[in-house]
C-alpha cells in the first residue's frame, strides 16, 4: 500500500505500507521551478544567438539541435565540427571561359540585332 501527502504544502511525501513514520520526499517543488531552456543553453554554451531571437525560438532551435546532434557533430565533439565533409572548390576565371561566361550579361537590344 502506498500513500502520498495530498496537502498543498511545499514538501510532498510518499509513504510505503502502513508505516506512517517513514516518509520519502518527492521534491516536486524543485522540479516545477526547473527551466528547460537553462539546461539546453548549458549543454550548447558555445552557441551564440542574435538578440532578436526570442526564448521560445531558442528553445525550439536547441531542441532540434539536440534531437539531430549526429547530423551537426560527430560523437562528443562540439557542434559544427564534422570530419570528412571538407571540399575544395576552385573558382576559375581564366581563359578559356566556360560557355555560360561567354554570353553577354544582358540580351542584345532590337536595334543592335538589326
Protein backbone atom coordinates (compact mmCIF):
# COMPACT_ATOMS: atom_id res chain seq x y z
CA UNK A 1 0.00 0.00 0.00
CA UNK A 2 1.29 3.45 -0.91
CA UNK A 3 0.31 6.84 0.39
CA UNK A 4 1.00 10.33 -0.95
CA UNK A 5 0.70 13.56 1.04
CA UNK A 6 -2.17 15.41 -0.67
CA UNK A 7 -1.92 18.64 1.30
CA UNK A 8 -0.91 21.64 -0.74
CA UNK A 9 2.41 22.10 1.03
CA UNK A 10 5.90 22.90 -0.17
CA UNK A 11 7.24 19.39 0.54
CA UNK A 12 5.44 16.30 -0.75
CA UNK A 13 5.98 12.94 0.92
CA UNK A 14 5.45 9.32 -0.06
CA UNK A 15 4.89 6.51 2.43
CA UNK A 16 5.14 2.80 1.72
CA UNK A 17 2.90 0.35 3.54
CA UNK A 18 1.27 1.17 6.85
CA UNK A 19 4.38 2.77 8.35
CA UNK A 20 3.39 6.46 8.50
CA UNK A 21 6.61 7.42 10.31
CA UNK A 22 8.97 6.70 7.42
CA UNK A 23 8.38 9.27 4.67
CA UNK A 24 10.20 9.72 1.38
CA UNK A 25 10.40 13.21 -0.10
CA UNK A 26 9.23 13.74 -3.70
CA UNK A 27 10.81 17.21 -4.19
CA UNK A 28 8.00 18.28 -6.53
CA UNK A 29 8.54 21.95 -5.70
CA UNK A 30 12.11 21.82 -7.01
CA UNK A 31 11.08 20.04 -10.19
CA UNK A 32 8.41 22.59 -11.05
CA UNK A 33 10.88 25.50 -10.99
CA UNK A 34 13.30 23.80 -13.41
CA UNK A 35 13.76 25.76 -16.66
CA UNK A 36 14.42 23.55 -19.73
CA UNK A 37 16.00 26.48 -21.61
CA UNK A 38 18.75 26.82 -18.98
CA UNK A 39 19.59 23.12 -19.29
CA UNK A 40 19.83 23.31 -23.09
CA UNK A 41 21.82 26.56 -23.02
CA UNK A 42 24.28 24.93 -20.64
CA UNK A 43 24.64 21.96 -22.99
CA UNK A 44 25.24 24.23 -26.00
CA UNK A 45 27.08 27.01 -24.14
CA UNK A 46 29.33 27.82 -27.10
CA UNK A 47 26.37 28.78 -29.27
CA UNK A 48 25.61 32.44 -29.83
CA UNK A 49 22.20 33.80 -30.71
CA UNK A 50 21.02 37.05 -32.19
CA UNK A 51 19.43 39.48 -29.77
CA UNK A 52 16.24 39.38 -31.86
CA UNK A 53 15.67 35.66 -31.18
CA UNK A 54 13.05 35.02 -28.50
CA UNK A 55 13.43 32.47 -25.72
CA UNK A 56 10.79 30.28 -27.33
CA UNK A 57 12.71 30.29 -30.62
CA UNK A 58 15.98 29.48 -28.82
CA UNK A 59 14.34 26.57 -27.02
CA UNK A 60 12.91 25.21 -30.27
CA UNK A 61 16.25 25.51 -32.06
CA UNK A 62 18.21 23.91 -29.23
CA UNK A 63 15.73 21.02 -29.00
CA UNK A 64 16.16 20.45 -32.74
CA UNK A 65 19.95 20.52 -32.39
CA UNK A 66 19.85 18.04 -29.53
CA UNK A 67 17.46 15.73 -31.39
CA UNK A 68 19.58 15.80 -34.57
CA UNK A 69 23.02 16.04 -32.94
CA UNK A 70 24.62 13.33 -35.17
CA UNK A 71 23.96 15.50 -38.23
CA UNK A 72 25.70 18.52 -36.70
CA UNK A 73 28.60 16.89 -34.82
CA UNK A 74 30.46 13.61 -34.55
CA UNK A 75 30.33 11.91 -31.16
CA UNK A 76 31.01 14.27 -28.28
CA UNK A 77 32.69 16.88 -30.48
CA UNK A 78 31.31 20.43 -30.42
CA UNK A 79 28.54 21.27 -32.85
CA UNK A 80 29.75 22.11 -36.34
CA UNK A 81 32.95 20.07 -36.08
CA UNK A 82 32.46 17.48 -38.80
CA UNK A 83 35.29 15.42 -40.26
CA UNK A 84 35.30 14.12 -43.80
CA UNK A 85 32.97 16.76 -45.20
CA UNK A 86 35.72 19.10 -46.40
CA UNK A 87 35.56 20.07 -50.06
CA UNK A 88 37.94 22.03 -52.24
CA UNK A 89 36.27 24.50 -54.54
CA UNK A 90 38.30 26.06 -57.33
CA UNK A 91 36.86 29.19 -58.91
CA UNK A 92 38.43 29.52 -62.34
CA UNK A 93 38.03 32.78 -64.25
CA UNK A 94 40.94 32.37 -66.65
CA UNK A 95 40.64 31.78 -70.38
CA UNK A 96 39.15 29.72 -71.95
CA UNK A 97 35.93 30.73 -70.30
CA UNK A 98 33.11 28.30 -69.84
CA UNK A 99 30.21 28.78 -72.31
CA UNK A 100 27.94 30.33 -69.68
CA UNK A 101 30.54 33.06 -69.01
CA UNK A 102 30.97 33.85 -72.71
CA UNK A 103 27.43 35.15 -73.00
CA UNK A 104 26.80 38.87 -72.66
CA UNK A 105 25.28 39.84 -69.31
CA UNK A 106 22.13 41.29 -70.94
CA UNK A 107 20.29 40.29 -74.11
CA UNK A 108 21.00 42.45 -77.12
CA UNK A 109 18.52 45.22 -77.85
CA UNK A 110 16.38 45.22 -81.01
CA UNK A 111 18.49 48.00 -82.55
CA UNK A 112 21.69 46.01 -82.09
CA UNK A 113 20.17 42.88 -83.62
CA UNK A 114 19.24 44.69 -86.91
